[in-house]
Amino acid sequence: MKKKIAVEGSLSDVKDLLQSKGYQVEDLNNQNNLDSYDAIITTGQDSNVLGMENAVTKSPVIDARGQSAEDIYQQLQNRIK
């Protein structure tokens, strides 16, 4: 089964790369079901992107700020083995 990744809307290069690597990629816009994702990728620019300042999720959250799509992919590989 494909890993399900939520990606913040402006990260189209990350979405494209992850889809090409076989991930199921969805826009990060449904804060009610964060635990249904295997990982969450944000731009890091909005501290409240998950819908609340202290959102709790079991899914790893990766901050894409200052990283290339390939860097984020490598981080994702390490965090959701």
PDB file of N, CA and C in Angstrom:
ATOM      1  N   MET A   1       0.839  -1.188   0.000  1.00  0.00           N
ATOM      2  CA  MET A   1       0.000   0.000   0.000  1.00  0.00           C
ATOM      3  C   MET A   1       0.884   1.251   0.000  1.00  0.00           C
ATOM      4  N   LYS A   2       0.468   2.238  -0.778  1.00  0.00           N
ATOM      5  CA  LYS A   2       1.242   3.475  -0.865  1.00  0.00           C
ATOM      6  C   LYS A   2       1.201   4.232   0.453  1.00  0.00           C
ATOM      7  N   LYS A   3       2.305   4.868   0.774  1.00  0.00           N
ATOM      8  CA  LYS A   3       2.345   5.756   1.936  1.00  0.00           C
ATOM      9  C   LYS A   3       1.578   7.027   1.603  1.00  0.00           C
ATOM     10  N   LYS A   4       0.791   7.501   2.556  1.00  0.00           N
ATOM     11  CA  LYS A   4      -0.065   8.676   2.354  1.00  0.00           C
ATOM     12  C   LYS A   4       0.588   9.885   3.018  1.00  0.00           C
ATOM     13  N   ILE A   5       0.884  10.898   2.211  1.00  0.00           N
ATOM     14  CA  ILE A   5       1.609  12.074   2.677  1.00  0.00           C
ATOM     15  C   ILE A   5       0.762  13.321   2.449  1.00  0.00           C
ATOM     16  N   ALA A   6       0.633  14.162   3.470  1.00  0.00           N
ATOM     17  CA  ALA A   6      -0.043  15.457   3.335  1.00  0.00           C
ATOM     18  C   ALA A   6       1.025  16.513   3.092  1.00  0.00           C
ATOM     19  N   VAL A   7       0.824  17.326   2.052  1.00  0.00           N
ATOM     20  CA  VAL A   7       1.812  18.340   1.687  1.00  0.00           C
ATOM     21  C   VAL A   7       1.116  19.687   1.586  1.00  0.00           C
ATOM     22  N   GLU A   8       1.702  20.697   2.217  1.00  0.00           N
ATOM     23  CA  GLU A   8       1.143  22.048   2.158  1.00  0.00           C
ATOM     24  C   GLU A   8       1.088  22.524   0.705  1.00  0.00           C
ATOM     25  N   GLY A   9       0.028  23.241   0.371  1.00  0.00           N
ATOM     26  CA  GLY A   9      -0.312  23.601  -0.998  1.00  0.00           C
ATOM     27  C   GLY A   9       0.775  24.197  -1.864  1.00  0.00           C
ATOM     28  N   SER A  10       1.617  25.048  -1.331  1.00  0.00           N
ATOM     29  CA  SER A  10       2.600  25.754  -2.161  1.00  0.00           C
ATOM     30  C   SER A  10       3.817  24.903  -2.527  1.00  0.00           C
ATOM     31  N   LEU A  11       3.902  23.700  -2.023  1.00  0.00           N
ATOM     32  CA  LEU A  11       5.080  22.855  -2.254  1.00  0.00           C
ATOM     33  C   LEU A  11       4.870  21.922  -3.451  1.00  0.00           C
ATOM     34  N   SER A  12       4.557  22.492  -4.608  1.00  0.00           N
ATOM     35  CA  SER A  12       4.233  21.676  -5.784  1.00  0.00           C
ATOM     36  C   SER A  12       5.414  20.825  -6.251  1.00  0.00           C
ATOM     37  N   ASP A  13       6.643  21.324  -6.108  1.00  0.00           N
ATOM     38  CA  ASP A  13       7.806  20.528  -6.515  1.00  0.00           C
ATOM     39  C   ASP A  13       7.953  19.287  -5.643  1.00  0.00           C
ATOM     40  N   VAL A  14       7.647  19.429  -4.362  1.00  0.00           N
ATOM     41  CA  VAL A  14       7.704  18.295  -3.434  1.00  0.00           C
ATOM     42  C   VAL A  14       6.599  17.298  -3.785  1.00  0.00           C
ATOM     43  N   LYS A  15       5.399  17.803  -4.031  1.00  0.00           N
ATOM     44  CA  LYS A  15       4.279  16.927  -4.409  1.00  0.00           C
ATOM     45  C   LYS A  15       4.633  16.113  -5.649  1.00  0.00           C
ATOM     46  N   ASP A  16       5.160  16.790  -6.667  1.00  0.00           N
ATOM     47  CA  ASP A  16       5.495  16.111  -7.925  1.00  0.00           C
ATOM     48  C   ASP A  16       6.540  15.021  -7.706  1.00  0.00           C
ATOM     49  N   LEU A  17       7.579  15.334  -6.944  1.00  0.00           N
ATOM     50  CA  LEU A  17       8.635  14.351  -6.698  1.00  0.00           C
ATOM     51  C   LEU A  17       8.089  13.145  -5.937  1.00  0.00           C
ATOM     52  N   LEU A  18       7.325  13.390  -4.890  1.00  0.00           N
ATOM     53  CA  LEU A  18       6.805  12.281  -4.085  1.00  0.00           C
ATOM     54  C   LEU A  18       5.844  11.411  -4.890  1.00  0.00           C
ATOM     55  N   GLN A  19       5.019  12.028  -5.727  1.00  0.00           N
ATOM     56  CA  GLN A  19       4.118  11.240  -6.574  1.00  0.00           C
ATOM     57  C   GLN A  19       4.918  10.380  -7.544  1.00  0.00           C
ATOM     58  N   SER A  20       5.993  10.930  -8.083  1.00  0.00           N
ATOM     59  CA  SER A  20       6.819  10.165  -9.024  1.00  0.00           C
ATOM     60  C   SER A  20       7.538   9.009  -8.328  1.00  0.00           C
ATOM     61  N   LYS A  21       7.706   9.111  -7.007  1.00  0.00           N
ATOM     62  CA  LYS A  21       8.357   8.051  -6.229  1.00  0.00           C
ATOM     63  C   LYS A  21       7.342   7.050  -5.681  1.00  0.00           C
ATOM     64  N   GLY A  22       6.051   7.241  -6.022  1.00  0.00           N
ATOM     65  CA  GLY A  22       5.039   6.261  -5.644  1.00  0.00           C
ATOM     66  C   GLY A  22       4.243   6.565  -4.392  1.00  0.00           C
ATOM     67  N   TYR A  23       4.380   7.758  -3.844  1.00  0.00           N
ATOM     68  CA  TYR A  23       3.601   8.132  -2.665  1.00  0.00           C
ATOM     69  C   TYR A  23       2.218   8.626  -3.069  1.00  0.00           C
ATOM     70  N   GLN A  24       1.236   8.426  -2.195  1.00  0.00           N
ATOM     71  CA  GLN A  24      -0.085   9.027  -2.365  1.00  0.00           C
ATOM     72  C   GLN A  24      -0.016  10.393  -1.696  1.00  0.00           C
ATOM     73  N   VAL A  25      -0.116  11.461  -2.481  1.00  0.00           N
ATOM     74  CA  VAL A  25       0.069  12.818  -1.975  1.00  0.00           C
ATOM     75  C   VAL A  25      -1.267  13.553  -1.973  1.00  0.00           C
ATOM     76  N   GLU A  26      -1.573  14.186  -0.843  1.00  0.00           N
ATOM     77  CA  GLU A  26      -2.795  14.973  -0.717  1.00  0.00           C
ATOM     78  C   GLU A  26      -2.442  16.356  -0.190  1.00  0.00           C
ATOM     79  N   ASP A  27      -3.280  17.339  -0.545  1.00  0.00           N
ATOM     80  CA  ASP A  27      -3.096  18.690  -0.008  1.00  0.00           C
ATOM     81  C   ASP A  27      -3.380  18.690   1.482  1.00  0.00           C
ATOM     82  N   LEU A  28      -2.591  19.430   2.209  1.00  0.00           N
ATOM     83  CA  LEU A  28      -2.780  19.563   3.650  1.00  0.00           C
ATOM     84  C   LEU A  28      -3.878  20.590   3.888  1.00  0.00           C
ATOM     85  N   ASN A  29      -5.104  20.104   4.048  1.00  0.00           N
ATOM     86  CA  ASN A  29      -6.214  21.016   4.297  1.00  0.00           C
ATOM     87  C   ASN A  29      -7.270  20.423   5.206  1.00  0.00           C
ATOM     88  N   ASN A  30      -7.118  19.178   5.604  1.00  0.00           N
ATOM     89  CA  ASN A  30      -8.090  18.559   6.496  1.00  0.00           C
ATOM     90  C   ASN A  30      -7.425  18.286   7.837  1.00  0.00           C
ATOM     91  N   GLN A  31      -7.489  19.266   8.727  1.00  0.00           N
ATOM     92  CA  GLN A  31      -6.800  19.150  10.008  1.00  0.00           C
ATOM     93  C   GLN A  31      -7.433  18.116  10.938  1.00  0.00           C
ATOM     94  N   ASN A  32      -8.625  17.666  10.634  1.00  0.00           N
ATOM     95  CA  ASN A  32      -9.321  16.752  11.533  1.00  0.00           C
ATOM     96  C   ASN A  32      -8.758  15.340  11.513  1.00  0.00           C
ATOM     97  N   ASN A  33      -8.030  14.982  10.482  1.00  0.00           N
ATOM     98  CA  ASN A  33      -7.613  13.598  10.339  1.00  0.00           C
ATOM     99  C   ASN A  33      -6.105  13.471  10.134  1.00  0.00           C
ATOM    100  N   LEU A  34      -5.324  14.236  10.866  1.00  0.00           N
ATOM    101  CA  LEU A  34      -3.876  14.259  10.666  1.00  0.00           C
ATOM    102  C   LEU A  34      -3.226  12.903  10.882  1.00  0.00           C
ATOM    103  N   ASP A  35      -3.766  12.103  11.794  1.00  0.00           N
ATOM    104  CA  ASP A  35      -3.157  10.810  12.077  1.00  0.00           C
ATOM    105  C   ASP A  35      -3.358   9.796  10.957  1.00  0.00           C
ATOM    106  N   SER A  36      -4.190  10.121   9.970  1.00  0.00           N
ATOM    107  CA  SER A  36      -4.385   9.189   8.855  1.00  0.00           C
ATOM    108  C   SER A  36      -3.233   9.270   7.848  1.00  0.00           C
ATOM    109  N   TYR A  37      -2.351  10.250   8.015  1.00  0.00           N
ATOM    110  CA  TYR A  37      -1.209  10.407   7.107  1.00  0.00           C
ATOM    111  C   TYR A  37       0.029   9.735   7.690  1.00  0.00           C
ATOM    112  N   ASP A  38       0.879   9.233   6.805  1.00  0.00           N
ATOM    113  CA  ASP A  38       2.149   8.649   7.242  1.00  0.00           C
ATOM    114  C   ASP A  38       3.171   9.732   7.553  1.00  0.00           C
ATOM    115  N   ALA A  39       2.987  10.926   6.963  1.00  0.00           N
ATOM    116  CA  ALA A  39       3.843  12.083   7.251  1.00  0.00           C
ATOM    117  C   ALA A  39       3.140  13.338   6.755  1.00  0.00           C
ATOM    118  N   ILE A  40       3.565  14.476   7.313  1.00  0.00           N
ATOM    119  CA  ILE A  40       3.009  15.779   6.961  1.00  0.00           C
ATOM    120  C   ILE A  40       4.179  16.693   6.625  1.00  0.00           C
ATOM    121  N   ILE A  41       4.090  17.386   5.480  1.00  0.00           N
ATOM    122  CA  ILE A  41       5.170  18.282   5.061  1.00  0.00           C
ATOM    123  C   ILE A  41       4.619  19.696   4.977  1.00  0.00           C
ATOM    124  N   THR A  42       5.253  20.619   5.706  1.00  0.00           N
ATOM    125  CA  THR A  42       4.806  22.012   5.745  1.00  0.00           C
ATOM    126  C   THR A  42       5.919  22.930   5.247  1.00  0.00           C
ATOM    127  N   THR A  43       5.547  24.162   4.915  1.00  0.00           N
ATOM    128  CA  THR A  43       6.558  25.131   4.483  1.00  0.00           C
ATOM    129  C   THR A  43       7.318  25.698   5.670  1.00  0.00           C
ATOM    130  N   GLY A  44       6.743  25.594   6.851  1.00  0.00           N
ATOM    131  CA  GLY A  44       7.372  26.149   8.038  1.00  0.00           C
ATOM    132  C   GLY A  44       7.136  27.632   8.190  1.00  0.00           C
ATOM    133  N   GLN A  45       6.427  28.252   7.243  1.00  0.00           N
ATOM    134  CA  GLN A  45       6.200  29.693   7.302  1.00  0.00           C
ATOM    135  C   GLN A  45       5.022  30.057   8.181  1.00  0.00           C
ATOM    136  N   ASP A  46       4.073  29.153   8.315  1.00  0.00           N
ATOM    137  CA  ASP A  46       2.880  29.417   9.127  1.00  0.00           C
ATOM    138  C   ASP A  46       2.893  28.455  10.296  1.00  0.00           C
ATOM    139  N   SER A  47       3.168  28.947  11.476  1.00  0.00           N
ATOM    140  CA  SER A  47       3.267  28.068  12.638  1.00  0.00           C
ATOM    141  C   SER A  47       1.929  27.431  12.982  1.00  0.00           C
ATOM    142  N   ASN A  48       0.846  27.945  12.412  1.00  0.00           N
ATOM    143  CA  ASN A  48      -0.480  27.434  12.718  1.00  0.00           C
ATOM    144  C   ASN A  48      -1.071  26.664  11.538  1.00  0.00           C
ATOM    145  N   VAL A  49      -0.245  26.138  10.655  1.00  0.00           N
ATOM    146  CA  VAL A  49      -0.730  25.469   9.451  1.00  0.00           C
ATOM    147  C   VAL A  49      -1.569  24.231   9.754  1.00  0.00           C
ATOM    148  N   LEU A  50      -1.327  23.575  10.861  1.00  0.00           N
ATOM    149  CA  LEU A  50      -2.079  22.371  11.187  1.00  0.00           C
ATOM    150  C   LEU A  50      -3.426  22.681  11.831  1.00  0.00           C
ATOM    151  N   GLY A  51      -3.771  23.953  11.938  1.00  0.00           N
ATOM    152  CA  GLY A  51      -5.093  24.312  12.422  1.00  0.00           C
ATOM    153  C   GLY A  51      -5.130  24.746  13.867  1.00  0.00           C
ATOM    154  N   MET A  52      -4.078  24.484  14.578  1.00  0.00           N
ATOM    155  CA  MET A  52      -3.972  24.956  15.957  1.00  0.00           C
ATOM    156  C   MET A  52      -2.496  25.002  16.314  1.00  0.00           C
ATOM    157  N   GLU A  53      -2.148  25.906  17.173  1.00  0.00           N
ATOM    158  CA  GLU A  53      -0.732  26.097  17.513  1.00  0.00           C
ATOM    159  C   GLU A  53      -0.077  24.831  18.050  1.00  0.00           C
ATOM    160  N   ASN A  54      -0.814  24.029  18.772  1.00  0.00           N
ATOM    161  CA  ASN A  54      -0.219  22.860  19.422  1.00  0.00           C
ATOM    162  C   ASN A  54      -0.872  21.572  18.933  1.00  0.00           C
ATOM    163  N   ALA A  55      -1.079  21.456  17.624  1.00  0.00           N
ATOM    164  CA  ALA A  55      -1.687  20.253  17.054  1.00  0.00           C
ATOM    165  C   ALA A  55      -0.861  19.030  17.450  1.00  0.00           C
ATOM    166  N   VAL A  56      -1.561  17.971  17.819  1.00  0.00           N
ATOM    167  CA  VAL A  56      -0.897  16.742  18.224  1.00  0.00           C
ATOM    168  C   VAL A  56      -1.187  15.685  17.165  1.00  0.00           C
ATOM    169  N   THR A  57      -0.144  15.092  16.652  1.00  0.00           N
ATOM    170  CA  THR A  57      -0.296  14.034  15.662  1.00  0.00           C
ATOM    171  C   THR A  57       0.802  13.003  15.868  1.00  0.00           C
ATOM    172  N   LYS A  58       0.473  11.771  15.570  1.00  0.00           N
ATOM    173  CA  LYS A  58       1.471  10.706  15.645  1.00  0.00           C
ATOM    174  C   LYS A  58       2.335  10.691  14.388  1.00  0.00           C
ATOM    175  N   SER A  59       1.872  11.363  13.353  1.00  0.00           N
ATOM    176  CA  SER A  59       2.597  11.407  12.081  1.00  0.00           C
ATOM    177  C   SER A  59       3.773  12.369  12.178  1.00  0.00           C
ATOM    178  N   PRO A  60       4.920  12.001  11.592  1.00  0.00           N
ATOM    179  CA  PRO A  60       6.043  12.943  11.597  1.00  0.00           C
ATOM    180  C   PRO A  60       5.721  14.174  10.758  1.00  0.00           C
ATOM    181  N   VAL A  61       6.138  15.338  11.248  1.00  0.00           N
ATOM    182  CA  VAL A  61       5.946  16.598  10.537  1.00  0.00           C
ATOM    183  C   VAL A  61       7.318  17.066  10.063  1.00  0.00           C
ATOM    184  N   ILE A  62       7.449  17.277   8.760  1.00  0.00           N
ATOM    185  CA  ILE A  62       8.718  17.705   8.166  1.00  0.00           C
ATOM    186  C   ILE A  62       8.586  19.155   7.729  1.00  0.00           C
ATOM    187  N   ASP A  63       9.501  19.982   8.189  1.00  0.00           N
ATOM    188  CA  ASP A  63       9.538  21.405   7.838  1.00  0.00           C
ATOM    189  C   ASP A  63      10.386  21.556   6.579  1.00  0.00           C
ATOM    190  N   ALA A  64       9.764  22.001   5.487  1.00  0.00           N
ATOM    191  CA  ALA A  64      10.449  22.091   4.196  1.00  0.00           C
ATOM    192  C   ALA A  64      11.281  23.352   4.031  1.00  0.00           C
ATOM    193  N   ARG A  65      11.205  24.250   4.981  1.00  0.00           N
ATOM    194  CA  ARG A  65      11.890  25.546   4.857  1.00  0.00           C
ATOM    195  C   ARG A  65      13.382  25.364   4.571  1.00  0.00           C
ATOM    196  N   GLY A  66      13.843  25.974   3.473  1.00  0.00           N
ATOM    197  CA  GLY A  66      15.264  25.948   3.135  1.00  0.00           C
ATOM    198  C   GLY A  66      15.771  24.642   2.559  1.00  0.00           C
ATOM    199  N   GLN A  67      14.876  23.723   2.223  1.00  0.00           N
ATOM    200  CA  GLN A  67      15.301  22.426   1.714  1.00  0.00           C
ATOM    201  C   GLN A  67      14.788  22.209   0.295  1.00  0.00           C
ATOM    202  N   SER A  68      15.532  21.452  -0.470  1.00  0.00           N
ATOM    203  CA  SER A  68      15.078  21.091  -1.812  1.00  0.00           C
ATOM    204  C   SER A  68      14.088  19.933  -1.706  1.00  0.00           C
ATOM    205  N   ALA A  69      13.377  19.674  -2.789  1.00  0.00           N
ATOM    206  CA  ALA A  69      12.438  18.551  -2.816  1.00  0.00           C
ATOM    207  C   ALA A  69      13.179  17.239  -2.549  1.00  0.00           C
ATOM    208  N   GLU A  70      14.381  17.112  -3.089  1.00  0.00           N
ATOM    209  CA  GLU A  70      15.174  15.895  -2.878  1.00  0.00           C
ATOM    210  C   GLU A  70      15.580  15.749  -1.409  1.00  0.00           C
ATOM    211  N   ASP A  71      15.941  16.856  -0.754  1.00  0.00           N
ATOM    212  CA  ASP A  71      16.277  16.819   0.677  1.00  0.00           C
ATOM    213  C   ASP A  71      15.082  16.318   1.488  1.00  0.00           C
ATOM    214  N   ILE A  72      13.918  16.834   1.152  1.00  0.00           N
ATOM    215  CA  ILE A  72      12.700  16.450   1.872  1.00  0.00           C
ATOM    216  C   ILE A  72      12.400  14.974   1.642  1.00  0.00           C
ATOM    217  N   TYR A  73      12.571  14.512   0.411  1.00  0.00           N
ATOM    218  CA  TYR A  73      12.371  13.096   0.100  1.00  0.00           C
ATOM    219  C   TYR A  73      13.296  12.222   0.943  1.00  0.00           C
ATOM    220  N   GLN A  74      14.564  12.604   1.058  1.00  0.00           N
ATOM    221  CA  GLN A  74      15.517  11.835   1.862  1.00  0.00           C
ATOM    222  C   GLN A  74      15.099  11.810   3.336  1.00  0.00           C
ATOM    223  N   GLN A  75      14.666  12.952   3.842  1.00  0.00           N
ATOM    224  CA  GLN A  75      14.192  13.015   5.229  1.00  0.00           C
ATOM    225  C   GLN A  75      12.993  12.104   5.433  1.00  0.00           C
ATOM    226  N   LEU A  76      12.093  12.134   4.471  1.00  0.00           N
ATOM    227  CA  LEU A  76      10.895  11.302   4.538  1.00  0.00           C
ATOM    228  C   LEU A  76      11.273   9.828   4.573  1.00  0.00           C
ATOM    229  N   GLN A  77      12.215   9.433   3.736  1.00  0.00           N
ATOM    230  CA  GLN A  77      12.674   8.042   3.712  1.00  0.00           C
ATOM    231  C   GLN A  77      13.202   7.613   5.084  1.00  0.00           C
ATOM    232  N   ASN A  78      13.935   8.498   5.730  1.00  0.00           N
ATOM    233  CA  ASN A  78      14.522   8.179   7.033  1.00  0.00           C
ATOM    234  C   ASN A  78      13.487   8.131   8.148  1.00  0.00           C
ATOM    235  N   ARG A  79      12.410   8.887   8.007  1.00  0.00           N
ATOM    236  CA  ARG A  79      11.453   9.011   9.110  1.00  0.00           C
ATOM    237  C   ARG A  79      10.278   8.056   9.049  1.00  0.00           C
ATOM    238  N   ILE A  80       9.980   7.494   7.878  1.00  0.00           N
ATOM    239  CA  ILE A  80       8.815   6.598   7.803  1.00  0.00           C
ATOM    240  C   ILE A  80       9.173   5.225   7.248  1.00  0.00           C
ATOM    241  N   LYS A  81      10.261   4.687   7.674  1.00  0.00           N
ATOM    242  CA  LYS A  81      10.703   3.366   7.199  1.00  0.00           C
ATOM    243  C   LYS A  81       9.689   2.294   7.502  1.00  0.00           C
TER     244      LYS A  81
END
